[in-house]
N, C-alpha and C. Protein backbone atom coordinates (compact mmCIF):
# COMPACT_ATOMS: atom_id res chain seq x y z
N MET A 1 3.90 -6.71 -0.95
CA MET A 1 4.57 -5.68 -0.20
C MET A 1 5.56 -6.30 0.78
N PHE A 2 5.22 -7.46 1.32
CA PHE A 2 6.17 -8.11 2.22
C PHE A 2 7.45 -8.48 1.48
N LEU A 3 7.31 -8.99 0.26
CA LEU A 3 8.49 -9.32 -0.53
C LEU A 3 9.29 -8.07 -0.88
N LEU A 4 8.61 -6.98 -1.19
CA LEU A 4 9.33 -5.73 -1.46
C LEU A 4 10.03 -5.22 -0.20
N GLY A 5 9.41 -5.40 0.95
CA GLY A 5 10.06 -5.03 2.21
C GLY A 5 11.31 -5.86 2.45
N CYS A 6 11.24 -7.15 2.17
CA CYS A 6 12.42 -8.00 2.31
C CYS A 6 13.50 -7.61 1.31
N LEU A 7 13.10 -7.31 0.09
CA LEU A 7 14.05 -6.87 -0.93
C LEU A 7 14.70 -5.54 -0.53
N ASP A 8 13.92 -4.64 0.02
CA ASP A 8 14.46 -3.36 0.50
C ASP A 8 15.47 -3.58 1.61
N GLN A 9 15.16 -4.48 2.52
CA GLN A 9 16.09 -4.77 3.62
C GLN A 9 17.38 -5.37 3.07
N LEU A 10 17.27 -6.24 2.10
CA LEU A 10 18.43 -6.91 1.55
C LEU A 10 19.32 -5.97 0.72
N LEU A 11 18.70 -5.16 -0.14
CA LEU A 11 19.47 -4.33 -1.05
C LEU A 11 19.81 -2.94 -0.52
N PHE A 12 18.91 -2.36 0.27
CA PHE A 12 19.09 -0.97 0.69
C PHE A 12 19.21 -0.80 2.19
N GLY A 13 19.34 -1.88 2.92
CA GLY A 13 19.50 -1.77 4.38
C GLY A 13 18.26 -1.28 5.09
N ALA A 14 17.09 -1.68 4.65
CA ALA A 14 15.81 -1.33 5.27
C ALA A 14 15.57 0.17 5.24
N SER A 15 15.66 0.76 4.08
CA SER A 15 15.41 2.19 3.92
C SER A 15 13.91 2.46 3.82
N PRO A 16 13.36 3.20 4.78
CA PRO A 16 11.92 3.50 4.71
C PRO A 16 11.53 4.34 3.49
N ALA A 17 12.42 5.21 3.03
CA ALA A 17 12.11 6.03 1.86
C ALA A 17 12.01 5.16 0.60
N VAL A 18 12.88 4.19 0.46
CA VAL A 18 12.82 3.29 -0.69
C VAL A 18 11.55 2.46 -0.62
N TYR A 19 11.22 1.98 0.57
CA TYR A 19 10.00 1.19 0.74
C TYR A 19 8.77 2.02 0.37
N GLY A 20 8.74 3.26 0.82
CA GLY A 20 7.62 4.13 0.49
C GLY A 20 7.52 4.41 -1.00
N ALA A 21 8.67 4.63 -1.63
CA ALA A 21 8.67 4.87 -3.07
C ALA A 21 8.22 3.63 -3.85
N LEU A 22 8.53 2.45 -3.35
CA LEU A 22 8.08 1.21 -3.99
C LEU A 22 6.58 0.98 -3.78
N PHE A 23 6.04 1.57 -2.71
CA PHE A 23 4.63 1.41 -2.41
C PHE A 23 3.75 2.12 -3.43
N LEU A 24 4.20 3.24 -3.96
CA LEU A 24 3.37 4.01 -4.90
C LEU A 24 3.05 3.25 -6.18
N PRO A 25 4.03 2.63 -6.85
CA PRO A 25 3.64 1.85 -8.05
C PRO A 25 2.76 0.65 -7.72
N VAL A 26 2.95 0.07 -6.56
CA VAL A 26 2.08 -1.04 -6.16
C VAL A 26 0.64 -0.55 -6.01
N CYS A 27 0.46 0.64 -5.48
CA CYS A 27 -0.88 1.21 -5.34
C CYS A 27 -1.54 1.41 -6.71
N VAL A 28 -0.78 1.97 -7.64
CA VAL A 28 -1.32 2.22 -8.98
C VAL A 28 -1.67 0.90 -9.66
N LEU A 29 -0.76 -0.06 -9.59
CA LEU A 29 -1.02 -1.36 -10.23
C LEU A 29 -2.20 -2.08 -9.60
N THR A 30 -2.31 -2.00 -8.30
CA THR A 30 -3.44 -2.64 -7.62
C THR A 30 -4.76 -2.00 -8.04
N ALA A 31 -4.78 -0.68 -8.11
CA ALA A 31 -6.01 0.02 -8.51
C ALA A 31 -6.38 -0.27 -9.95
N LEU A 32 -5.40 -0.52 -10.80
CA LEU A 32 -5.68 -0.80 -12.20
C LEU A 32 -6.01 -2.27 -12.47
N TRP A 33 -5.45 -3.19 -11.69
CA TRP A 33 -5.61 -4.61 -11.96
C TRP A 33 -6.78 -5.27 -11.23
N VAL A 34 -7.31 -4.64 -10.22
CA VAL A 34 -8.39 -5.28 -9.46
C VAL A 34 -9.63 -5.40 -10.35
N ARG A 35 -10.38 -6.47 -10.13
CA ARG A 35 -11.58 -6.72 -10.94
C ARG A 35 -12.59 -5.60 -10.75
N GLY A 36 -13.43 -5.41 -11.74
CA GLY A 36 -14.42 -4.34 -11.69
C GLY A 36 -15.37 -4.43 -10.51
N GLY A 37 -15.79 -5.63 -10.17
CA GLY A 37 -16.70 -5.80 -9.04
C GLY A 37 -16.05 -5.57 -7.69
N ASP A 38 -14.75 -5.71 -7.61
CA ASP A 38 -14.02 -5.55 -6.35
C ASP A 38 -13.24 -4.25 -6.30
N VAL A 39 -13.54 -3.34 -7.19
CA VAL A 39 -12.71 -2.15 -7.34
C VAL A 39 -12.67 -1.30 -6.07
N LEU A 40 -13.73 -1.27 -5.30
CA LEU A 40 -13.74 -0.43 -4.10
C LEU A 40 -12.97 -1.03 -2.93
N SER A 41 -12.53 -2.27 -3.07
CA SER A 41 -11.76 -2.89 -1.98
C SER A 41 -10.27 -2.53 -2.04
N ALA A 42 -9.79 -2.02 -3.16
CA ALA A 42 -8.36 -1.71 -3.31
C ALA A 42 -7.87 -0.69 -2.29
N PRO A 43 -8.58 0.44 -2.08
CA PRO A 43 -8.07 1.39 -1.08
C PRO A 43 -8.12 0.86 0.36
N VAL A 44 -8.88 -0.18 0.59
CA VAL A 44 -8.94 -0.77 1.93
C VAL A 44 -7.78 -1.74 2.15
N VAL A 45 -7.43 -2.47 1.12
CA VAL A 45 -6.40 -3.50 1.23
C VAL A 45 -4.99 -2.90 1.26
N LEU A 46 -4.80 -1.79 0.59
CA LEU A 46 -3.45 -1.21 0.47
C LEU A 46 -2.82 -0.81 1.79
N PRO A 47 -3.53 -0.15 2.72
CA PRO A 47 -2.88 0.15 4.00
C PRO A 47 -2.50 -1.11 4.79
N ILE A 48 -3.29 -2.15 4.65
CA ILE A 48 -2.96 -3.41 5.32
C ILE A 48 -1.69 -4.00 4.72
N ALA A 49 -1.59 -3.96 3.40
CA ALA A 49 -0.39 -4.46 2.72
C ALA A 49 0.83 -3.62 3.10
N PHE A 50 0.66 -2.31 3.25
CA PHE A 50 1.76 -1.44 3.64
C PHE A 50 2.28 -1.85 5.02
N ALA A 51 1.36 -2.10 5.95
CA ALA A 51 1.76 -2.48 7.31
C ALA A 51 2.46 -3.83 7.33
N VAL A 52 1.97 -4.78 6.56
CA VAL A 52 2.59 -6.11 6.52
C VAL A 52 3.98 -6.02 5.90
N GLY A 53 4.11 -5.24 4.85
CA GLY A 53 5.41 -5.10 4.20
C GLY A 53 6.40 -4.30 5.01
N LEU A 54 5.92 -3.51 5.94
CA LEU A 54 6.79 -2.70 6.78
C LEU A 54 7.48 -3.54 7.85
N LEU A 55 7.00 -4.74 8.09
CA LEU A 55 7.60 -5.60 9.13
C LEU A 55 9.09 -5.83 8.93
N PRO A 56 9.57 -6.20 7.74
CA PRO A 56 11.01 -6.40 7.60
C PRO A 56 11.81 -5.09 7.57
N VAL A 57 11.15 -3.99 7.27
CA VAL A 57 11.83 -2.70 7.16
C VAL A 57 11.93 -2.01 8.51
N ALA A 58 10.94 -2.22 9.37
CA ALA A 58 10.87 -1.50 10.64
C ALA A 58 12.02 -1.89 11.56
N GLU A 59 12.59 -0.86 12.16
CA GLU A 59 13.65 -1.11 13.14
C GLU A 59 12.98 -1.48 14.46
N GLY A 60 13.55 -2.43 15.12
CA GLY A 60 13.00 -2.83 16.40
C GLY A 60 14.00 -3.61 17.19
N GLY A 61 13.83 -3.54 18.49
CA GLY A 61 14.71 -4.29 19.36
C GLY A 61 14.34 -5.76 19.34
N GLY A 62 14.90 -6.49 20.25
CA GLY A 62 14.63 -7.91 20.32
C GLY A 62 13.23 -8.20 20.80
N GLY A 63 12.69 -9.25 20.33
CA GLY A 63 11.41 -9.73 20.80
C GLY A 63 10.23 -9.15 20.05
N LEU A 64 9.08 -9.65 20.42
CA LEU A 64 7.83 -9.28 19.77
C LEU A 64 7.47 -7.82 20.05
N LEU A 65 7.62 -7.37 21.29
CA LEU A 65 7.27 -6.00 21.63
C LEU A 65 8.19 -4.99 20.93
N GLY A 66 9.45 -5.30 20.80
CA GLY A 66 10.38 -4.42 20.09
C GLY A 66 10.01 -4.30 18.63
N ARG A 67 9.64 -5.42 18.01
CA ARG A 67 9.23 -5.41 16.61
C ARG A 67 7.92 -4.64 16.45
N LEU A 68 7.00 -4.81 17.38
CA LEU A 68 5.73 -4.09 17.34
C LEU A 68 5.94 -2.59 17.47
N MET A 69 6.82 -2.18 18.37
CA MET A 69 7.12 -0.76 18.53
C MET A 69 7.78 -0.21 17.26
N GLY A 70 8.65 -0.97 16.63
CA GLY A 70 9.25 -0.56 15.37
C GLY A 70 8.20 -0.39 14.27
N LEU A 71 7.22 -1.30 14.26
CA LEU A 71 6.15 -1.22 13.27
C LEU A 71 5.31 0.03 13.49
N VAL A 72 4.93 0.30 14.73
CA VAL A 72 4.12 1.48 15.04
C VAL A 72 4.89 2.76 14.71
N THR A 73 6.17 2.78 15.05
CA THR A 73 7.00 3.94 14.72
C THR A 73 7.12 4.11 13.21
N GLY A 74 7.32 3.01 12.50
CA GLY A 74 7.40 3.07 11.04
C GLY A 74 6.11 3.57 10.41
N LEU A 75 4.98 3.12 10.93
CA LEU A 75 3.70 3.60 10.41
C LEU A 75 3.53 5.09 10.67
N ALA A 76 3.98 5.55 11.82
CA ALA A 76 3.85 6.98 12.15
C ALA A 76 4.78 7.84 11.29
N THR A 77 6.00 7.38 11.09
CA THR A 77 6.96 8.21 10.35
C THR A 77 6.78 8.10 8.84
N GLN A 78 6.17 7.06 8.36
CA GLN A 78 5.97 6.88 6.93
C GLN A 78 4.52 7.10 6.51
N ALA A 79 3.79 7.85 7.30
CA ALA A 79 2.37 8.08 7.02
C ALA A 79 2.16 8.82 5.70
N GLY A 80 3.09 9.66 5.32
CA GLY A 80 2.95 10.38 4.06
C GLY A 80 2.90 9.45 2.86
N TRP A 81 3.79 8.46 2.85
CA TRP A 81 3.77 7.47 1.77
C TRP A 81 2.47 6.68 1.79
N LEU A 82 2.05 6.30 3.00
CA LEU A 82 0.84 5.50 3.15
C LEU A 82 -0.39 6.27 2.66
N TYR A 83 -0.54 7.50 3.13
CA TYR A 83 -1.69 8.31 2.72
C TYR A 83 -1.63 8.65 1.24
N GLY A 84 -0.45 9.00 0.74
CA GLY A 84 -0.30 9.35 -0.66
C GLY A 84 -0.65 8.20 -1.59
N GLY A 85 -0.13 7.03 -1.29
CA GLY A 85 -0.43 5.86 -2.12
C GLY A 85 -1.88 5.45 -2.06
N THR A 86 -2.46 5.51 -0.87
CA THR A 86 -3.86 5.15 -0.73
C THR A 86 -4.76 6.15 -1.44
N LEU A 87 -4.42 7.43 -1.34
CA LEU A 87 -5.19 8.46 -2.04
C LEU A 87 -5.07 8.29 -3.56
N LEU A 88 -3.90 8.00 -4.03
CA LEU A 88 -3.68 7.76 -5.46
C LEU A 88 -4.53 6.59 -5.95
N ALA A 89 -4.52 5.52 -5.20
CA ALA A 89 -5.33 4.35 -5.57
C ALA A 89 -6.82 4.67 -5.49
N ALA A 90 -7.23 5.44 -4.50
CA ALA A 90 -8.65 5.79 -4.37
C ALA A 90 -9.12 6.62 -5.55
N VAL A 91 -8.30 7.55 -6.02
CA VAL A 91 -8.68 8.36 -7.17
C VAL A 91 -8.82 7.49 -8.42
N ILE A 92 -7.86 6.61 -8.63
CA ILE A 92 -7.92 5.71 -9.79
C ILE A 92 -9.15 4.82 -9.71
N VAL A 93 -9.41 4.29 -8.53
CA VAL A 93 -10.55 3.40 -8.34
C VAL A 93 -11.87 4.16 -8.56
N LEU A 94 -11.96 5.38 -8.08
CA LEU A 94 -13.20 6.13 -8.27
C LEU A 94 -13.44 6.44 -9.74
N VAL A 95 -12.39 6.78 -10.47
CA VAL A 95 -12.53 7.02 -11.91
C VAL A 95 -12.98 5.74 -12.61
N ARG A 96 -12.37 4.62 -12.24
CA ARG A 96 -12.79 3.34 -12.85
C ARG A 96 -14.24 3.02 -12.51
N ARG A 97 -14.63 3.28 -11.28
CA ARG A 97 -16.00 2.97 -10.86
C ARG A 97 -17.01 3.84 -11.60
N VAL A 98 -16.71 5.12 -11.75
CA VAL A 98 -17.62 6.02 -12.46
C VAL A 98 -17.76 5.59 -13.92
N ARG A 99 -16.64 5.23 -14.53
CA ARG A 99 -16.70 4.77 -15.92
C ARG A 99 -17.50 3.47 -16.03
N TRP A 100 -17.35 2.58 -15.05
CA TRP A 100 -18.07 1.31 -15.06
C TRP A 100 -19.57 1.54 -14.93
N VAL A 101 -19.96 2.43 -14.00
CA VAL A 101 -21.38 2.72 -13.79
C VAL A 101 -21.98 3.38 -15.02
N ARG A 102 -21.27 4.32 -15.61
CA ARG A 102 -21.78 4.98 -16.82
C ARG A 102 -21.92 3.99 -17.97
N GLY A 103 -20.98 3.07 -18.08
CA GLY A 103 -21.08 2.05 -19.12
C GLY A 103 -22.28 1.14 -18.92
N ARG A 104 -22.58 0.82 -17.70
CA ARG A 104 -23.76 -0.02 -17.41
C ARG A 104 -25.04 0.72 -17.69
N GLN A 105 -25.07 2.03 -17.40
CA GLN A 105 -26.28 2.82 -17.66
C GLN A 105 -26.55 2.94 -19.15
N ARG A 106 -25.50 3.06 -19.95
CA ARG A 106 -25.67 3.17 -21.40
C ARG A 106 -26.21 1.86 -21.99
N ARG A 107 -25.73 0.74 -21.45
CA ARG A 107 -26.15 -0.57 -21.96
C ARG A 107 -27.58 -0.92 -21.51
N GLY A 108 -27.91 -0.50 -20.31
CA GLY A 108 -29.18 -0.96 -19.76
C GLY A 108 -30.09 0.13 -19.54
């Protein structure tokens, strides 16, 4: 997500909408590619990745406090993308988990 944030800043001038739209496929891919044993960690990791990737996109004044305020503002204004992507990943993960548990019950 950090690399996508840098790419967004370079190509689109740090557009939060583009960053949010790029976050959705990352959520789907993460939920599909994570190992079966770690499947429940995907919805936890994604909001952290969103915040880290928002660093290059967030507008902020000079210094650490300005960047931090930009990050907090970006998280507040882009919450829809964050919640939507996390919810999408959670649904995929829950379906995978249910299928995994049912498969184990059939075998054992």
